[in-house]
């Protein structure tokens, strides 16, 4: 049932799934497992179990029976097919792949992906309660019911990937909740939802139907403007029978448990017409299965290693296969590194050889919370994250180097917090030197707490800070231009977040994997990058008449980090301009003042209105409008060697700055 526009719902021309249509399969697996893991374990003595089960319907009769259960194209009523076809005609907003899927769908094959979890809360909550799992997952977009700061995210939009991976934009839910929203109800709970652009069928361009279609108990509409859930206690339309027809019933064997799982709390999610957005509309389950296993192991090995999560993949006609670390070659060294976090002797001051580990820390200052947004806000809190570094064994190094996944390569840092999911893998190739390859885990927030102990205020504050910094897909910690985070905190937000993937992390690593160099020594591996010579940090001798300097960006070497740094204040030398820019390069010259190289740099500016690139480059351009008369900028080069460099003046560097002014549309 799609509510008509007159029903009082005005959200016609938005599409909650739009941001997920470019999602990759890894993103899908991350979001689904994170949602399940966050809702458990209900029984703390048992792990959360998740199974990805593929159901392949073949032949017109089998496919047709399934479709008619979905009210596909009834003779005497408007069906799902009608709504999907009308939705493809909405010129204001289109669903990528919907028309292509329908054009290629000949009703003789339909792939379903059923995601089943056990030992979780299930879809608890009343129909209108957005604070409970039912409302957060099924009904209210943008809300989240994550039970603690150590849950996987805060934005509540990650669930949109469910619909993005459905060729028919339709997702079904069957659940055994731990608690019933009202007396007299019994499991299972069944409901479905289709999300497409608003649409009409009379051709006048006025949307008659909203963008949300619902499967549920056919009844008189009330203030929720949709059909509510069907329950197992319904005598006219028992949810269990319908769920069985849709292949999402709960009365199936649970992996590792012979009994049927109907009484075990959890949820089964059916994604109708499973496809890969922008990739393959009719994927082969046998080819998908290894990718599901690899993504599960790659991002959830902390939960698997802690025996809090078990993941299975089942293809048509096969048995459930449990995900192991072997499914993601290269992950094992990170697992061993993580396993050592509570057993390493703090007195160990260096890596002693292959297979050895060392533990250090990376400082983090959690800014003070905004009292206008947060009840009972905390002040600034100084804490730290645990950094565990491992020297891979020869066998582990072979796995890392042979792996096709760049994330699971040597010299990567796996970052995580209490959600037991790897947020990302940060490349630190610029820190490692020859024959000093490593892997590391940066363990933050409540993930630092030993088993059996409770997190303290510092742990909780760091956990919440990092959780709030994550984007919708929870695959990074973002400080710059993160307005959501800035609503909650006041202080050095960007510096603290960036330090966990930048200078602070690099400095902590370099103490153990870099090279110590005394004054006058040659830096190993730097001959091609920075020739050792007498000289001085240079300045830009190429004056640009368009620019007027308050502070010139003379570069200097930061011996602690091994980077060249520079800082400047500049503005146009004219008043008649519409916009202006500065292009910045860092040039290396030899003792004869000949140009010998160029370093990649990154820059930042605290001047309002200055648009600064957010990536490394050999020439970076800061762009400004007419309302920006001067800018202050800071920059640094890529890392040029190991830590503790003490070489004096090792080369001559210059910053080359070129200005551009535009007036009247002309440069």
Foldseek 3Di string as FASTA:
>chain_A
DFFWPVLPDDQFADFLLVVCLVPFPLLVLVLLVLVQLLQDQLPVVAAKEKEWEKDKAAAQVLLVLLCVLQQADDPPDDGLVNVLVQLCVQPSDFQFLLVVLVVPCPRGIKMKIKMWIFNGQKQDDDPPDCLTNVNLQPNDAQQDNRPALLGQFGRSSSSSNLLSQASSSKKKKWWQGPDHHDPPFGDIKIKMKHFGHFGDDPPPNDRGGGRIAMDADDDDDDSVSHHGIATCRDPPCHPQVSCVSNVFHQQDQGVVGRGGGNNTGIMMMMRIQGDGNPPGSDDDLVVCVLVSLQSCCVWQVLCVLVNNYWYWYHYPPGDTDIRDNVSHQLCVQVSLQLVCQVPDDQVDQEADDAFGKYKDKFKFKQAWWDVVVDPPTDHIDIDIWIKMKHHHDPVSQVRQVPGPDVLSHWQWEFEGESSSTGLGIAHDPLAADPPLTIYMYTYAAPSSDDPPDDDDPRSSSGSNLQSQQAPPSSNARAQPPSVSSVNTGDDDRRCRRVCVRDQRVSLVPLSHRFDADDAPDDFPPQCLPFAFDDDAAAEAPPDEQQKDWPAGFRWDADQAQQKIKTKTKMFTPDLAFFKKKKKKAKFFAAPVRHTRDTFWKAKDWPDPQWDWDPDTDRITMIIGGSVGGMTIMMMITRHRGGHNDDHPGGTYMYMHMYMDTHHPNRD
